C-alpha cells in the first residue's frame, strides 16, 4: 500500500516549484497503522509557506484515494526543518541544483 500512497503523493506539486512534494523531500514518513489508518508525517519548505493550509489538505485527500485507506492521520512538523539536502536527485536535477 505504501507504494500506491507514494504514487498518489507524487501528483501533489509545490505551486512555486515544478517538482512534486515527495521528490522535494517534504514527506518524512508514511506509516500503515492497520485497519485502513495511514499516518503521514510531512513538513513544508518554510513555516510561512503560502500553501501551509491547502497543501496538507491536498496530501490527505490524495492518500484517501488509495484503495484500502479509510483514514489519514496527517502531521505537519518543522523539526527537523526541511533543507535542500532532503530533495531527491531527480528534484535537484529538475531545479538545476547540482
PDB file of N, CA and C in Angstrom:
ATOM      1  N   UNK A   1       0.827  -1.190   0.000  1.00  0.00           N
ATOM      2  CA  UNK A   1       0.000   0.000   0.000  1.00  0.00           C
ATOM      3  C   UNK A   1       0.877   1.262   0.000  1.00  0.00           C
ATOM      4  N   UNK A   2       2.039   1.189   0.650  1.00  0.00           N
ATOM      5  CA  UNK A   2       2.903   2.366   0.740  1.00  0.00           C
ATOM      6  C   UNK A   2       3.295   2.884  -0.645  1.00  0.00           C
ATOM      7  N   UNK A   3       3.575   1.967  -1.570  1.00  0.00           N
ATOM      8  CA  UNK A   3       3.971   2.385  -2.915  1.00  0.00           C
ATOM      9  C   UNK A   3       2.831   3.128  -3.618  1.00  0.00           C
ATOM     10  N   UNK A   4       1.597   2.662  -3.411  1.00  0.00           N
ATOM     11  CA  UNK A   4       0.441   3.323  -4.004  1.00  0.00           C
ATOM     12  C   UNK A   4       0.244   4.712  -3.404  1.00  0.00           C
ATOM     13  N   UNK A   5       0.495   4.825  -2.108  1.00  0.00           N
ATOM     14  CA  UNK A   5       0.379   6.126  -1.439  1.00  0.00           C
ATOM     15  C   UNK A   5       1.434   7.079  -1.986  1.00  0.00           C
ATOM     16  N   UNK A   6       2.650   6.590  -2.143  1.00  0.00           N
ATOM     17  CA  UNK A   6       3.720   7.432  -2.689  1.00  0.00           C
ATOM     18  C   UNK A   6       3.364   7.913  -4.091  1.00  0.00           C
ATOM     19  N   UNK A   7       2.825   7.029  -4.904  1.00  0.00           N
ATOM     20  CA  UNK A   7       2.445   7.419  -6.266  1.00  0.00           C
ATOM     21  C   UNK A   7       1.390   8.527  -6.247  1.00  0.00           C
ATOM     22  N   UNK A   8       0.442   8.436  -5.331  1.00  0.00           N
ATOM     23  CA  UNK A   8      -0.590   9.483  -5.217  1.00  0.00           C
ATOM     24  C   UNK A   8       0.039  10.792  -4.747  1.00  0.00           C
ATOM     25  N   UNK A   9       0.926  10.703  -3.760  1.00  0.00           N
ATOM     26  CA  UNK A   9       1.568  11.910  -3.235  1.00  0.00           C
ATOM     27  C   UNK A   9       2.423  12.576  -4.309  1.00  0.00           C
ATOM     28  N   UNK A  10       2.981  11.785  -5.198  1.00  0.00           N
ATOM     29  CA  UNK A  10       3.804  12.350  -6.276  1.00  0.00           C
ATOM     30  C   UNK A  10       2.984  13.164  -7.275  1.00  0.00           C
ATOM     31  N   UNK A  11       1.669  13.173  -7.134  1.00  0.00           N
ATOM     32  CA  UNK A  11       0.831  14.012  -8.002  1.00  0.00           C
ATOM     33  C   UNK A  11       0.584  15.386  -7.380  1.00  0.00           C
ATOM     34  N   UNK A  12       1.131  15.606  -6.188  1.00  0.00           N
ATOM     35  CA  UNK A  12       0.972  16.888  -5.493  1.00  0.00           C
ATOM     36  C   UNK A  12       2.244  17.709  -5.710  1.00  0.00           C
ATOM     37  N   UNK A  13       2.068  18.910  -6.213  1.00  0.00           N
ATOM     38  CA  UNK A  13       3.207  19.772  -6.519  1.00  0.00           C
ATOM     39  C   UNK A  13       3.187  21.034  -5.676  1.00  0.00           C
ATOM     40  N   UNK A  14       4.371  21.484  -5.300  1.00  0.00           N
ATOM     41  CA  UNK A  14       4.508  22.803  -4.701  1.00  0.00           C
ATOM     42  C   UNK A  14       4.191  23.788  -5.817  1.00  0.00           C
ATOM     43  N   UNK A  15       3.266  24.719  -5.620  1.00  0.00           N
ATOM     44  CA  UNK A  15       2.872  25.608  -6.707  1.00  0.00           C
ATOM     45  C   UNK A  15       3.991  26.526  -7.203  1.00  0.00           C
ATOM     46  N   UNK A  16       5.035  26.683  -6.417  1.00  0.00           N
ATOM     47  CA  UNK A  16       6.130  27.560  -6.821  1.00  0.00           C
ATOM     48  C   UNK A  16       7.283  26.806  -7.478  1.00  0.00           C
ATOM     49  N   UNK A  17       7.238  25.479  -7.445  1.00  0.00           N
ATOM     50  CA  UNK A  17       8.332  24.676  -7.989  1.00  0.00           C
ATOM     51  C   UNK A  17       7.772  23.583  -8.898  1.00  0.00           C
ATOM     52  N   UNK A  18       8.478  23.249  -9.966  1.00  0.00           N
ATOM     53  CA  UNK A  18       7.981  22.227 -10.900  1.00  0.00           C
ATOM     54  C   UNK A  18       8.359  20.807 -10.474  1.00  0.00           C
ATOM     55  N   UNK A  19       8.305  20.531  -9.171  1.00  0.00           N
ATOM     56  CA  UNK A  19       8.695  19.229  -8.635  1.00  0.00           C
ATOM     57  C   UNK A  19       7.642  18.799  -7.622  1.00  0.00           C
ATOM     58  N   UNK A  20       7.318  17.497  -7.622  1.00  0.00           N
ATOM     59  CA  UNK A  20       6.318  17.028  -6.659  1.00  0.00           C
ATOM     60  C   UNK A  20       6.890  17.042  -5.245  1.00  0.00           C
ATOM     61  N   UNK A  21       6.010  17.088  -4.270  1.00  0.00           N
ATOM     62  CA  UNK A  21       6.444  17.263  -2.882  1.00  0.00           C
ATOM     63  C   UNK A  21       7.182  16.047  -2.326  1.00  0.00           C
ATOM     64  N   UNK A  22       6.954  14.875  -2.901  1.00  0.00           N
ATOM     65  CA  UNK A  22       7.683  13.692  -2.443  1.00  0.00           C
ATOM     66  C   UNK A  22       9.158  13.819  -2.825  1.00  0.00           C
ATOM     67  N   UNK A  23       9.416  14.197  -4.075  1.00  0.00           N
ATOM     68  CA  UNK A  23      10.801  14.359  -4.526  1.00  0.00           C
ATOM     69  C   UNK A  23      11.474  15.561  -3.861  1.00  0.00           C
ATOM     70  N   UNK A  24      10.676  16.541  -3.446  1.00  0.00           N
ATOM     71  CA  UNK A  24      11.237  17.682  -2.716  1.00  0.00           C
ATOM     72  C   UNK A  24      11.685  17.290  -1.311  1.00  0.00           C
ATOM     73  N   UNK A  25      11.236  16.135  -0.847  1.00  0.00           N
ATOM     74  CA  UNK A  25      11.616  15.686   0.492  1.00  0.00           C
ATOM     75  C   UNK A  25      10.710  16.213   1.587  1.00  0.00           C
ATOM     76  N   UNK A  26       9.496  16.624   1.222  1.00  0.00           N
ATOM     77  CA  UNK A  26       8.567  17.151   2.222  1.00  0.00           C
ATOM     78  C   UNK A  26       7.828  16.061   2.987  1.00  0.00           C
ATOM     79  N   UNK A  27       7.841  14.841   2.475  1.00  0.00           N
ATOM     80  CA  UNK A  27       7.199  13.722   3.170  1.00  0.00           C
ATOM     81  C   UNK A  27       8.272  13.002   3.976  1.00  0.00           C
ATOM     82  N   UNK A  28       8.160  13.055   5.283  1.00  0.00           N
ATOM     83  CA  UNK A  28       9.154  12.426   6.156  1.00  0.00           C
ATOM     84  C   UNK A  28       8.847  10.957   6.418  1.00  0.00           C
ATOM     85  N   UNK A  29       7.572  10.636   6.638  1.00  0.00           N
ATOM     86  CA  UNK A  29       7.201   9.249   6.946  1.00  0.00           C
ATOM     87  C   UNK A  29       5.811   8.934   6.417  1.00  0.00           C
ATOM     88  N   UNK A  30       5.635   7.668   6.050  1.00  0.00           N
ATOM     89  CA  UNK A  30       4.323   7.117   5.706  1.00  0.00           C
ATOM     90  C   UNK A  30       4.234   5.805   6.472  1.00  0.00           C
ATOM     91  N   UNK A  31       3.288   5.717   7.396  1.00  0.00           N
ATOM     92  CA  UNK A  31       3.174   4.536   8.248  1.00  0.00           C
ATOM     93  C   UNK A  31       1.779   3.935   8.157  1.00  0.00           C
ATOM     94  N   UNK A  32       1.725   2.659   7.832  1.00  0.00           N
ATOM     95  CA  UNK A  32       0.467   1.918   7.813  1.00  0.00           C
ATOM     96  C   UNK A  32       0.195   1.475   9.237  1.00  0.00           C
ATOM     97  N   UNK A  33      -0.820   2.056   9.851  1.00  0.00           N
ATOM     98  CA  UNK A  33      -1.158   1.757  11.249  1.00  0.00           C
ATOM     99  C   UNK A  33      -2.146   0.599  11.383  1.00  0.00           C
ATOM    100  N   UNK A  34      -2.576   0.040  10.232  1.00  0.00           N
ATOM    101  CA  UNK A  34      -3.525  -1.069  10.261  1.00  0.00           C
ATOM    102  C   UNK A  34      -4.958  -0.584  10.229  1.00  0.00           C
ATOM    103  N   UNK A  35      -5.851  -1.470   9.863  1.00  0.00           N
ATOM    104  CA  UNK A  35      -7.294  -1.176   9.782  1.00  0.00           C
ATOM    105  C   UNK A  35      -7.599   0.035   8.911  1.00  0.00           C
ATOM    106  N   UNK A  36      -6.781   0.274   7.882  1.00  0.00           N
ATOM    107  CA  UNK A  36      -7.049   1.358   6.961  1.00  0.00           C
ATOM    108  C   UNK A  36      -6.553   2.722   7.399  1.00  0.00           C
ATOM    109  N   UNK A  37      -5.896   2.787   8.560  1.00  0.00           N
ATOM    110  CA  UNK A  37      -5.364   4.059   9.052  1.00  0.00           C
ATOM    111  C   UNK A  37      -3.926   4.243   8.578  1.00  0.00           C
ATOM    112  N   UNK A  38      -3.650   5.383   7.969  1.00  0.00           N
ATOM    113  CA  UNK A  38      -2.318   5.707   7.487  1.00  0.00           C
ATOM    114  C   UNK A  38      -1.869   6.998   8.164  1.00  0.00           C
ATOM    115  N   UNK A  39      -0.659   6.966   8.685  1.00  0.00           N
ATOM    116  CA  UNK A  39      -0.062   8.162   9.277  1.00  0.00           C
ATOM    117  C   UNK A  39       0.932   8.737   8.271  1.00  0.00           C
ATOM    118  N   UNK A  40       0.808  10.028   8.008  1.00  0.00           N
ATOM    119  CA  UNK A  40       1.741  10.723   7.127  1.00  0.00           C
ATOM    120  C   UNK A  40       2.344  11.870   7.922  1.00  0.00           C
ATOM    121  N   UNK A  41       3.669  11.891   7.976  1.00  0.00           N
ATOM    122  CA  UNK A  41       4.376  12.978   8.641  1.00  0.00           C
ATOM    123  C   UNK A  41       5.087  13.763   7.549  1.00  0.00           C
ATOM    124  N   UNK A  42       4.769  15.043   7.483  1.00  0.00           N
ATOM    125  CA  UNK A  42       5.331  15.882   6.422  1.00  0.00           C
ATOM    126  C   UNK A  42       5.757  17.222   6.989  1.00  0.00           C
ATOM    127  N   UNK A  43       6.420  17.975   6.147  1.00  0.00           N
ATOM    128  CA  UNK A  43       6.812  19.323   6.503  1.00  0.00           C
ATOM    129  C   UNK A  43       6.517  20.236   5.324  1.00  0.00           C
ATOM    130  N   UNK A  44       6.847  21.482   5.485  1.00  0.00           N
ATOM    131  CA  UNK A  44       6.734  22.468   4.415  1.00  0.00           C
ATOM    132  C   UNK A  44       8.106  23.098   4.236  1.00  0.00           C
ATOM    133  N   UNK A  45       8.322  23.755   3.114  1.00  0.00           N
ATOM    134  CA  UNK A  45       9.641  24.344   2.885  1.00  0.00           C
ATOM    135  C   UNK A  45       9.967  25.405   3.927  1.00  0.00           C
ATOM    136  N   UNK A  46       8.954  26.129   4.396  1.00  0.00           N
ATOM    137  CA  UNK A  46       9.117  27.095   5.487  1.00  0.00           C
ATOM    138  C   UNK A  46       7.821  27.119   6.288  1.00  0.00           C
ATOM    139  N   UNK A  47       7.900  27.492   7.571  1.00  0.00           N
ATOM    140  CA  UNK A  47       6.664  27.606   8.360  1.00  0.00           C
ATOM    141  C   UNK A  47       5.684  28.633   7.781  1.00  0.00           C
ATOM    142  N   UNK A  48       6.201  29.623   7.058  1.00  0.00           N
ATOM    143  CA  UNK A  48       5.351  30.664   6.480  1.00  0.00           C
ATOM    144  C   UNK A  48       4.982  30.376   5.029  1.00  0.00           C
ATOM    145  N   UNK A  49       5.060  29.117   4.641  1.00  0.00           N
ATOM    146  CA  UNK A  49       4.762  28.702   3.268  1.00  0.00           C
ATOM    147  C   UNK A  49       3.368  29.198   2.867  1.00  0.00           C
ATOM    148  N   UNK A  50       3.233  29.803   1.684  1.00  0.00           N
ATOM    149  CA  UNK A  50       1.936  30.329   1.259  1.00  0.00           C
ATOM    150  C   UNK A  50       0.839  29.262   1.145  1.00  0.00           C
ATOM    151  N   UNK A  51       1.230  27.997   0.982  1.00  0.00           N
ATOM    152  CA  UNK A  51       0.232  26.928   0.860  1.00  0.00           C
ATOM    153  C   UNK A  51       0.161  26.071   2.128  1.00  0.00           C
ATOM    154  N   UNK A  52       0.529  26.666   3.250  1.00  0.00           N
ATOM    155  CA  UNK A  52       0.575  25.922   4.519  1.00  0.00           C
ATOM    156  C   UNK A  52      -0.761  25.298   4.897  1.00  0.00           C
ATOM    157  N   UNK A  53      -1.846  25.916   4.492  1.00  0.00           N
ATOM    158  CA  UNK A  53      -3.154  25.358   4.836  1.00  0.00           C
ATOM    159  C   UNK A  53      -3.665  24.409   3.768  1.00  0.00           C
ATOM    160  N   UNK A  54      -3.428  24.707   2.512  1.00  0.00           N
ATOM    161  CA  UNK A  54      -4.004  23.888   1.452  1.00  0.00           C
ATOM    162  C   UNK A  54      -3.174  22.652   1.107  1.00  0.00           C
ATOM    163  N   UNK A  55      -1.859  22.727   1.187  1.00  0.00           N
ATOM    164  CA  UNK A  55      -1.015  21.597   0.772  1.00  0.00           C
ATOM    165  C   UNK A  55      -1.240  20.349   1.639  1.00  0.00           C
ATOM    166  N   UNK A  56      -1.244  20.460   2.973  1.00  0.00           N
ATOM    167  CA  UNK A  56      -1.526  19.256   3.771  1.00  0.00           C
ATOM    168  C   UNK A  56      -2.902  18.660   3.479  1.00  0.00           C
ATOM    169  N   UNK A  57      -3.883  19.507   3.239  1.00  0.00           N
ATOM    170  CA  UNK A  57      -5.223  19.003   2.929  1.00  0.00           C
ATOM    171  C   UNK A  57      -5.225  18.269   1.592  1.00  0.00           C
ATOM    172  N   UNK A  58      -4.438  18.754   0.636  1.00  0.00           N
ATOM    173  CA  UNK A  58      -4.340  18.087  -0.664  1.00  0.00           C
ATOM    174  C   UNK A  58      -3.667  16.724  -0.514  1.00  0.00           C
ATOM    175  N   UNK A  59      -2.621  16.654   0.312  1.00  0.00           N
ATOM    176  CA  UNK A  59      -1.941  15.374   0.562  1.00  0.00           C
ATOM    177  C   UNK A  59      -2.918  14.393   1.194  1.00  0.00           C
ATOM    178  N   UNK A  60      -3.630  14.842   2.202  1.00  0.00           N
ATOM    179  CA  UNK A  60      -4.599  13.974   2.876  1.00  0.00           C
ATOM    180  C   UNK A  60      -5.649  13.460   1.891  1.00  0.00           C
ATOM    181  N   UNK A  61      -6.140  14.331   1.058  1.00  0.00           N
ATOM    182  CA  UNK A  61      -7.144  13.954   0.064  1.00  0.00           C
ATOM    183  C   UNK A  61      -6.604  12.906  -0.906  1.00  0.00           C
ATOM    184  N   UNK A  62      -5.370  13.090  -1.383  1.00  0.00           N
ATOM    185  CA  UNK A  62      -4.769  12.132  -2.321  1.00  0.00           C
ATOM    186  C   UNK A  62      -4.566  10.773  -1.661  1.00  0.00           C
ATOM    187  N   UNK A  63      -4.118  10.752  -0.421  1.00  0.00           N
ATOM    188  CA  UNK A  63      -3.896   9.483   0.281  1.00  0.00           C
ATOM    189  C   UNK A  63      -5.229   8.761   0.482  1.00  0.00           C
ATOM    190  N   UNK A  64      -6.286   9.511   0.735  1.00  0.00           N
ATOM    191  CA  UNK A  64      -7.607   8.900   0.927  1.00  0.00           C
ATOM    192  C   UNK A  64      -8.111   8.220  -0.345  1.00  0.00           C
ATOM    193  N   UNK A  65      -7.568   8.584  -1.498  1.00  0.00           N
ATOM    194  CA  UNK A  65      -7.974   7.966  -2.767  1.00  0.00           C
ATOM    195  C   UNK A  65      -7.420   6.554  -2.938  1.00  0.00           C
ATOM    196  N   UNK A  66      -6.430   6.193  -2.148  1.00  0.00           N
ATOM    197  CA  UNK A  66      -5.801   4.876  -2.275  1.00  0.00           C
ATOM    198  C   UNK A  66      -6.740   3.807  -1.719  1.00  0.00           C
ATOM    199  N   UNK A  67      -6.926   2.766  -2.501  1.00  0.00           N
ATOM    200  CA  UNK A  67      -7.795   1.674  -2.081  1.00  0.00           C
ATOM    201  C   UNK A  67      -7.288   1.078  -0.769  1.00  0.00           C
ATOM    202  N   UNK A  68      -8.199   0.923   0.180  1.00  0.00           N
ATOM    203  CA  UNK A  68      -7.852   0.352   1.478  1.00  0.00           C
ATOM    204  C   UNK A  68      -7.610   1.389   2.559  1.00  0.00           C
ATOM    205  N   UNK A  69      -7.411   2.640   2.169  1.00  0.00           N
ATOM    206  CA  UNK A  69      -7.202   3.704   3.152  1.00  0.00           C
ATOM    207  C   UNK A  69      -8.568   4.220   3.600  1.00  0.00           C
ATOM    208  N   UNK A  70      -8.777   4.165   4.915  1.00  0.00           N
ATOM    209  CA  UNK A  70     -10.043   4.627   5.482  1.00  0.00           C
ATOM    210  C   UNK A  70      -9.889   5.957   6.204  1.00  0.00           C
ATOM    211  N   UNK A  71      -8.687   6.227   6.702  1.00  0.00           N
ATOM    212  CA  UNK A  71      -8.455   7.475   7.427  1.00  0.00           C
ATOM    213  C   UNK A  71      -6.976   7.820   7.349  1.00  0.00           C
ATOM    214  N   UNK A  72      -6.688   9.117   7.416  1.00  0.00           N
ATOM    215  CA  UNK A  72      -5.310   9.594   7.355  1.00  0.00           C
ATOM    216  C   UNK A  72      -5.046  10.481   8.558  1.00  0.00           C
ATOM    217  N   UNK A  73      -4.024  10.126   9.301  1.00  0.00           N
ATOM    218  CA  UNK A  73      -3.548  10.948  10.403  1.00  0.00           C
ATOM    219  C   UNK A  73      -2.348  11.718   9.855  1.00  0.00           C
ATOM    220  N   UNK A  74      -2.584  12.952   9.445  1.00  0.00           N
ATOM    221  CA  UNK A  74      -1.539  13.745   8.822  1.00  0.00           C
ATOM    222  C   UNK A  74      -0.972  14.734   9.831  1.00  0.00           C
ATOM    223  N   UNK A  75       0.328  14.697   9.976  1.00  0.00           N
ATOM    224  CA  UNK A  75       1.004  15.597  10.912  1.00  0.00           C
ATOM    225  C   UNK A  75       1.987  16.465  10.134  1.00  0.00           C
ATOM    226  N   UNK A  76       1.920  17.760  10.346  1.00  0.00           N
ATOM    227  CA  UNK A  76       2.884  18.691   9.757  1.00  0.00           C
ATOM    228  C   UNK A  76       3.858  19.070  10.861  1.00  0.00           C
ATOM    229  N   UNK A  77       5.140  18.806  10.607  1.00  0.00           N
ATOM    230  CA  UNK A  77       6.177  19.086  11.601  1.00  0.00           C
ATOM    231  C   UNK A  77       7.225  20.024  11.000  1.00  0.00           C
ATOM    232  N   UNK A  78       7.940  20.698  11.876  1.00  0.00           N
ATOM    233  CA  UNK A  78       9.028  21.564  11.424  1.00  0.00           C
ATOM    234  C   UNK A  78      10.347  21.194  12.090  1.00  0.00           C
ATOM    235  N   UNK A  79      10.355  20.054  12.748  1.00  0.00           N
ATOM    236  CA  UNK A  79      11.568  19.537  13.370  1.00  0.00           C
ATOM    237  C   UNK A  79      11.684  18.066  12.986  1.00  0.00           C
ATOM    238  N   UNK A  80      12.640  17.687  12.165  1.00  0.00           N
ATOM    239  CA  UNK A  80      13.731  18.533  11.677  1.00  0.00           C
ATOM    240  C   UNK A  80      13.247  19.454  10.574  1.00  0.00           C
ATOM    241  N   UNK A  81      13.849  20.626  10.473  1.00  0.00           N
ATOM    242  CA  UNK A  81      13.452  21.550   9.416  1.00  0.00           C
ATOM    243  C   UNK A  81      13.841  21.025   8.049  1.00  0.00           C
ATOM    244  N   UNK A  82      13.051  21.396   7.052  1.00  0.00           N
ATOM    245  CA  UNK A  82      13.347  20.999   5.683  1.00  0.00           C
ATOM    246  C   UNK A  82      14.564  21.776   5.199  1.00  0.00           C
ATOM    247  N   UNK A  83      15.414  21.083   4.455  1.00  0.00           N
ATOM    248  CA  UNK A  83      16.557  21.723   3.801  1.00  0.00           C
ATOM    249  C   UNK A  83      16.641  21.181   2.379  1.00  0.00           C
ATOM    250  N   UNK A  84      17.378  21.846   1.543  1.00  0.00           N
ATOM    251  CA  UNK A  84      17.525  21.416   0.149  1.00  0.00           C
ATOM    252  C   UNK A  84      18.180  20.047   0.048  1.00  0.00           C
ATOM    253  N   UNK A  85      18.904  19.644   1.066  1.00  0.00           N
ATOM    254  CA  UNK A  85      19.560  18.337   1.059  1.00  0.00           C
ATOM    255  C   UNK A  85      18.558  17.189   1.125  1.00  0.00           C
ATOM    256  N   UNK A  86      17.329  17.461   1.516  1.00  0.00           N
ATOM    257  CA  UNK A  86      16.293  16.422   1.607  1.00  0.00           C
ATOM    258  C   UNK A  86      15.704  16.087   0.229  1.00  0.00           C
ATOM    259  N   UNK A  87      16.012  16.894  -0.778  1.00  0.00           N
ATOM    260  CA  UNK A  87      15.477  16.660  -2.116  1.00  0.00           C
ATOM    261  C   UNK A  87      16.155  15.445  -2.749  1.00  0.00           C
ATOM    262  N   UNK A  88      15.404  14.755  -3.579  1.00  0.00           N
ATOM    263  CA  UNK A  88      15.955  13.631  -4.331  1.00  0.00           C
ATOM    264  C   UNK A  88      16.862  14.176  -5.437  1.00  0.00           C
ATOM    265  N   UNK A  89      17.646  13.279  -6.007  1.00  0.00           N
ATOM    266  CA  UNK A  89      18.484  13.680  -7.140  1.00  0.00           C
ATOM    267  C   UNK A  89      17.628  14.175  -8.297  1.00  0.00           C
ATOM    268  N   UNK A  90      16.483  13.516  -8.488  1.00  0.00           N
ATOM    269  CA  UNK A  90      15.559  13.919  -9.557  1.00  0.00           C
ATOM    270  C   UNK A  90      15.117  15.372  -9.368  1.00  0.00           C
ATOM    271  N   UNK A  91      14.777  15.743  -8.121  1.00  0.00           N
ATOM    272  CA  UNK A  91      14.334  17.109  -7.839  1.00  0.00           C
ATOM    273  C   UNK A  91      15.479  18.096  -8.031  1.00  0.00           C
ATOM    274  N   UNK A  92      16.672  17.740  -7.576  1.00  0.00           N
ATOM    275  CA  UNK A  92      17.820  18.632  -7.744  1.00  0.00           C
ATOM    276  C   UNK A  92      18.117  18.849  -9.226  1.00  0.00           C
ATOM    277  N   UNK A  93      17.990  17.798 -10.014  1.00  0.00           N
ATOM    278  CA  UNK A  93      18.223  17.907 -11.456  1.00  0.00           C
ATOM    279  C   UNK A  93      17.174  18.817 -12.089  1.00  0.00           C
ATOM    280  N   UNK A  94      15.903  18.615 -11.723  1.00  0.00           N
ATOM    281  CA  UNK A  94      14.813  19.417 -12.290  1.00  0.00           C
ATOM    282  C   UNK A  94      14.958  20.891 -11.951  1.00  0.00           C
ATOM    283  N   UNK A  95      15.504  21.158 -10.772  1.00  0.00           N
ATOM    284  CA  UNK A  95      15.662  22.542 -10.337  1.00  0.00           C
ATOM    285  C   UNK A  95      17.067  23.084 -10.607  1.00  0.00           C
ATOM    286  N   UNK A  96      17.876  22.274 -11.288  1.00  0.00           N
ATOM    287  CA  UNK A  96      19.249  22.665 -11.636  1.00  0.00           C
ATOM    288  C   UNK A  96      20.031  23.069 -10.383  1.00  0.00           C
ATOM    289  N   UNK A  97      20.005  22.188  -9.382  1.00  0.00           N
ATOM    290  CA  UNK A  97      20.647  22.475  -8.102  1.00  0.00           C
ATOM    291  C   UNK A  97      21.792  21.512  -7.797  1.00  0.00           C
ATOM    292  N   UNK A  98      22.506  21.076  -8.811  1.00  0.00           N
ATOM    293  CA  UNK A  98      23.648  20.188  -8.578  1.00  0.00           C
ATOM    294  C   UNK A  98      24.893  20.981  -8.319  1.00  0.00           C
TER     295      UNK A  98
END
